[in-house]
C-alpha atoms as a PDB file:
ATOM      1  CA  MET A   1       0.000   0.000   0.000  1.00  0.00           C
ATOM      2  CA  THR A   2       2.857   2.384   0.739  1.00  0.00           C
ATOM      3  CA  ILE A   3       4.366   1.680  -2.676  1.00  0.00           C
ATOM      4  CA  LEU A   4       1.150   2.775  -4.369  1.00  0.00           C
ATOM      5  CA  PHE A   5       0.917   5.809  -2.069  1.00  0.00           C
ATOM      6  CA  ASN A   6       4.493   6.844  -2.902  1.00  0.00           C
ATOM      7  CA  LEU A   7       3.936   6.241  -6.624  1.00  0.00           C
ATOM      8  CA  LEU A   8       0.822   8.426  -6.603  1.00  0.00           C
ATOM      9  CA  LEU A   9       2.713  11.122  -4.717  1.00  0.00           C
ATOM     10  CA  ILE A  10       5.550  11.103  -7.268  1.00  0.00           C
ATOM     11  CA  VAL A  11       3.103  11.254 -10.200  1.00  0.00           C
ATOM     12  CA  GLN A  12       1.265  14.156  -8.547  1.00  0.00           C
ATOM     13  CA  ILE A  13       4.467  16.134  -7.963  1.00  0.00           C
ATOM     14  CA  LEU A  14       5.715  15.539 -11.511  1.00  0.00           C
ATOM     15  CA  SER A  15       2.371  16.486 -13.033  1.00  0.00           C
ATOM     16  CA  ALA A  16       2.266  19.669 -10.935  1.00  0.00           C
ATOM     17  CA  LEU A  17       5.760  20.683 -12.069  1.00  0.00           C
ATOM     18  CA  ALA A  18       4.947  19.902 -15.708  1.00  0.00           C
ATOM     19  CA  MET A  19       1.718  21.893 -15.455  1.00  0.00           C
ATOM     20  CA  ILE A  20       3.612  24.883 -14.087  1.00  0.00           C
ATOM     21  CA  GLY A  21       6.037  24.702 -17.011  1.00  0.00           C
ATOM     22  CA  LEU A  22       3.283  24.375 -19.607  1.00  0.00           C
ATOM     23  CA  ILE A  23       1.272  27.238 -18.152  1.00  0.00           C
ATOM     24  CA  LEU A  24       4.310  29.500 -18.168  1.00  0.00           C
ATOM     25  CA  MET A  25       5.019  28.647 -21.816  1.00  0.00           C
ATOM     26  CA  GLN A  26       1.531  29.608 -22.995  1.00  0.00           C
ATOM     27  CA  HIS A  27       0.770  33.022 -24.433  1.00  0.00           C
ATOM     28  CA  GLY A  28      -1.779  35.297 -22.860  1.00  0.00           C
ATOM     29  CA  LYS A  29      -4.846  36.641 -24.638  1.00  0.00           C
ATOM     30  CA  GLY A  30      -3.059  39.894 -25.392  1.00  0.00           C
ATOM     31  CA  ALA A  31      -0.366  38.096 -27.396  1.00  0.00           C
ATOM     32  CA  ASP A  32      -2.728  37.690 -30.370  1.00  0.00           C
ATOM     33  CA  ALA A  33      -2.799  41.437 -30.992  1.00  0.00           C
ATOM     34  CA  GLY A  34       0.998  41.529 -31.131  1.00  0.00           C
ATOM     35  CA  ALA A  35       1.099  38.664 -33.636  1.00  0.00           C
ATOM     36  CA  ALA A  36      -1.157  40.631 -36.000  1.00  0.00           C
ATOM     37  CA  PHE A  37       1.553  43.265 -36.387  1.00  0.00           C
ATOM     38  CA  GLY A  38       4.392  40.900 -37.194  1.00  0.00           C
ATOM     39  CA  GLY A  39       4.927  39.117 -33.921  1.00  0.00           C
ATOM     40  CA  GLY A  40       6.345  36.052 -35.684  1.00  0.00           C
ATOM     41  CA  GLY A  41       3.503  33.679 -34.849  1.00  0.00           C
ATOM     42  CA  SER A  42       4.020  31.636 -38.016  1.00  0.00           C
ATOM     43  CA  ALA A  43       7.646  30.928 -37.100  1.00  0.00           C
ATOM     44  CA  SER A  44       6.728  28.975 -33.988  1.00  0.00           C
ATOM     45  CA  LEU A  45       7.432  25.291 -33.514  1.00  0.00           C
ATOM     46  CA  PHE A  46       3.798  24.155 -33.836  1.00  0.00           C
ATOM     47  CA  GLY A  47       2.699  26.608 -36.531  1.00  0.00           C
ATOM     48  CA  ALA A  48       0.531  29.707 -36.218  1.00  0.00           C
ATOM     49  CA  THR A  49      -2.168  28.224 -33.969  1.00  0.00           C
ATOM     50  CA  GLY A  50      -1.004  24.655 -33.349  1.00  0.00           C
ATOM     51  CA  GLY A  51       1.035  25.557 -30.285  1.00  0.00           C
ATOM     52  CA  ALA A  52      -1.901  26.986 -28.406  1.00  0.00           C
ATOM     53  CA  ASN A  53      -4.003  23.888 -28.997  1.00  0.00           C
ATOM     54  CA  PHE A  54      -1.180  21.511 -28.097  1.00  0.00           C
ATOM     55  CA  LEU A  55      -0.198  23.387 -24.945  1.00  0.00           C
ATOM     56  CA  SER A  56      -3.766  23.868 -23.731  1.00  0.00           C
ATOM     57  CA  ARG A  57      -4.670  20.221 -24.329  1.00  0.00           C
ATOM     58  CA  SER A  58      -1.496  19.042 -22.603  1.00  0.00           C
ATOM     59  CA  THR A  59      -2.296  21.294 -19.659  1.00  0.00           C
ATOM     60  CA  GLY A  60      -5.808  19.841 -19.498  1.00  0.00           C
ATOM     61  CA  VAL A  61      -4.483  16.277 -19.508  1.00  0.00           C
ATOM     62  CA  LEU A  62      -1.962  17.068 -16.785  1.00  0.00           C
ATOM     63  CA  ALA A  63      -4.638  18.818 -14.730  1.00  0.00           C
ATOM     64  CA  THR A  64      -6.802  15.686 -14.985  1.00  0.00           C
ATOM     65  CA  VAL A  65      -3.884  13.473 -13.885  1.00  0.00           C
ATOM     66  CA  PHE A  66      -3.186  15.844 -10.981  1.00  0.00           C
ATOM     67  CA  PHE A  67      -6.854  15.836  -9.926  1.00  0.00           C
ATOM     68  CA  VAL A  68      -7.130  12.023 -10.058  1.00  0.00           C
ATOM     69  CA  CYS A  69      -3.907  11.632  -8.054  1.00  0.00           C
ATOM     70  CA  THR A  70      -5.190  14.123  -5.480  1.00  0.00           C
ATOM     71  CA  LEU A  71      -8.438  12.184  -5.060  1.00  0.00           C
ATOM     72  CA  ALA A  72      -6.582   8.862  -4.795  1.00  0.00           C
ATOM     73  CA  LEU A  73      -4.145  10.262  -2.218  1.00  0.00           C
ATOM     74  CA  ALA A  74      -7.037  11.643  -0.191  1.00  0.00           C
ATOM     75  CA  TYR A  75      -8.764   8.251  -0.294  1.00  0.00           C
ATOM     76  CA  PHE A  76      -5.657   6.305   0.728  1.00  0.00           C
ATOM     77  CA  GLY A  77      -4.756   8.850   3.388  1.00  0.00           C
ATOM     78  CA  HIS A  78      -8.235   8.655   4.897  1.00  0.00           C
ATOM     79  CA  SER A  79      -8.412   4.854   4.842  1.00  0.00           C
ATOM     80  CA  LYS A  80      -5.214   4.403   6.882  1.00  0.00           C
ATOM     81  CA  PRO A  81      -5.849   3.272  10.446  1.00  0.00           C
ATOM     82  CA  ALA A  82      -5.766   6.104  12.949  1.00  0.00           C
ATOM     83  CA  SER A  83      -2.950   6.250  15.448  1.00  0.00           C
ATOM     84  CA  SER A  84      -3.539   5.789  19.156  1.00  0.00           C
ATOM     85  CA  GLY A  85      -4.145   9.511  19.631  1.00  0.00           C
ATOM     86  CA  SER A  86      -3.061  12.955  18.643  1.00  0.00           C
ATOM     87  CA  VAL A  87       0.287  14.487  19.386  1.00  0.00           C
ATOM     88  CA  LEU A  88      -1.335  16.849  21.868  1.00  0.00           C
ATOM     89  CA  GLU A  89      -2.885  13.999  23.837  1.00  0.00           C
ATOM     90  CA  SER A  90       0.460  12.244  24.164  1.00  0.00           C
ATOM     91  CA  ALA A  91       2.169  15.465  25.291  1.00  0.00           C
ATOM     92  CA  ALA A  92      -0.516  16.325  27.868  1.00  0.00           C
ATOM     93  CA  PRO A  93       0.685  13.948  30.656  1.00  0.00           C
ATOM     94  CA  ALA A  94       4.216  15.331  30.443  1.00  0.00           C
ATOM     95  CA  ALA A  95       2.951  18.901  30.690  1.00  0.00           C
ATOM     96  CA  ALA A  96       0.685  18.066  33.640  1.00  0.00           C
ATOM     97  CA  ALA A  97       3.554  16.769  35.783  1.00  0.00           C
ATOM     98  CA  PRO A  98       3.819  18.690  39.062  1.00  0.00           C
ATOM     99  CA  ALA A  99       6.566  21.254  39.100  1.00  0.00           C
ATOM    100  CA  THR A 100       9.029  21.363  41.953  1.00  0.00           C
ATOM    101  CA  ALA A 101       8.960  24.341  44.236  1.00  0.00           C
ATOM    102  CA  PRO A 102      11.571  26.980  43.373  1.00  0.00           C
ATOM    103  CA  VAL A 103      14.560  27.148  45.676  1.00  0.00           C
ATOM    104  CA  GLN A 104      14.545  30.308  47.780  1.00  0.00           C
ATOM    105  CA  PRO A 105      17.901  31.892  48.529  1.00  0.00           C
ATOM    106  CA  ALA A 106      18.821  32.207  52.160  1.00  0.00           C
ATOM    107  CA  ALA A 107      18.319  35.560  53.809  1.00  0.00           C
ATOM    108  CA  GLY A 108      21.204  37.888  53.155  1.00  0.00           C
ATOM    109  CA  GLN A 109      22.376  36.104  49.995  1.00  0.00           C
ATOM    110  CA  ILE A 110      22.064  37.787  46.641  1.00  0.00           C
ATOM    111  CA  PRO A 111      21.707  35.388  43.712  1.00  0.00           C
ATOM    112  CA  GLY A 112      24.457  35.599  41.108  1.00  0.00           C
ATOM    113  CA  GLN A 113      27.251  36.704  43.457  1.00  0.00           C
END
């Protein structure tokens, strides 16, 4: 079960990083106006409009993979057996231990001398 959990976690991280890269490579809506005045849109790797379709579809596929991995990780994380208690409950007995009384200096003695 931990192998599947780790595999899903790796796929989710890689898809998130790839999505970030693809989103940063895409042009905004304002880039079309610049291409009309000789922005060099036809000299791109995927043609005049092929890059936008390829990048947006790839982003959609990666977003789907990321979403499915997130749901699977949430399911596997929820189905794990709960521990014996929370961290706060285990730390509570140590904090409730009685403190020792502070040592009072003898009359006429100044602490630190």
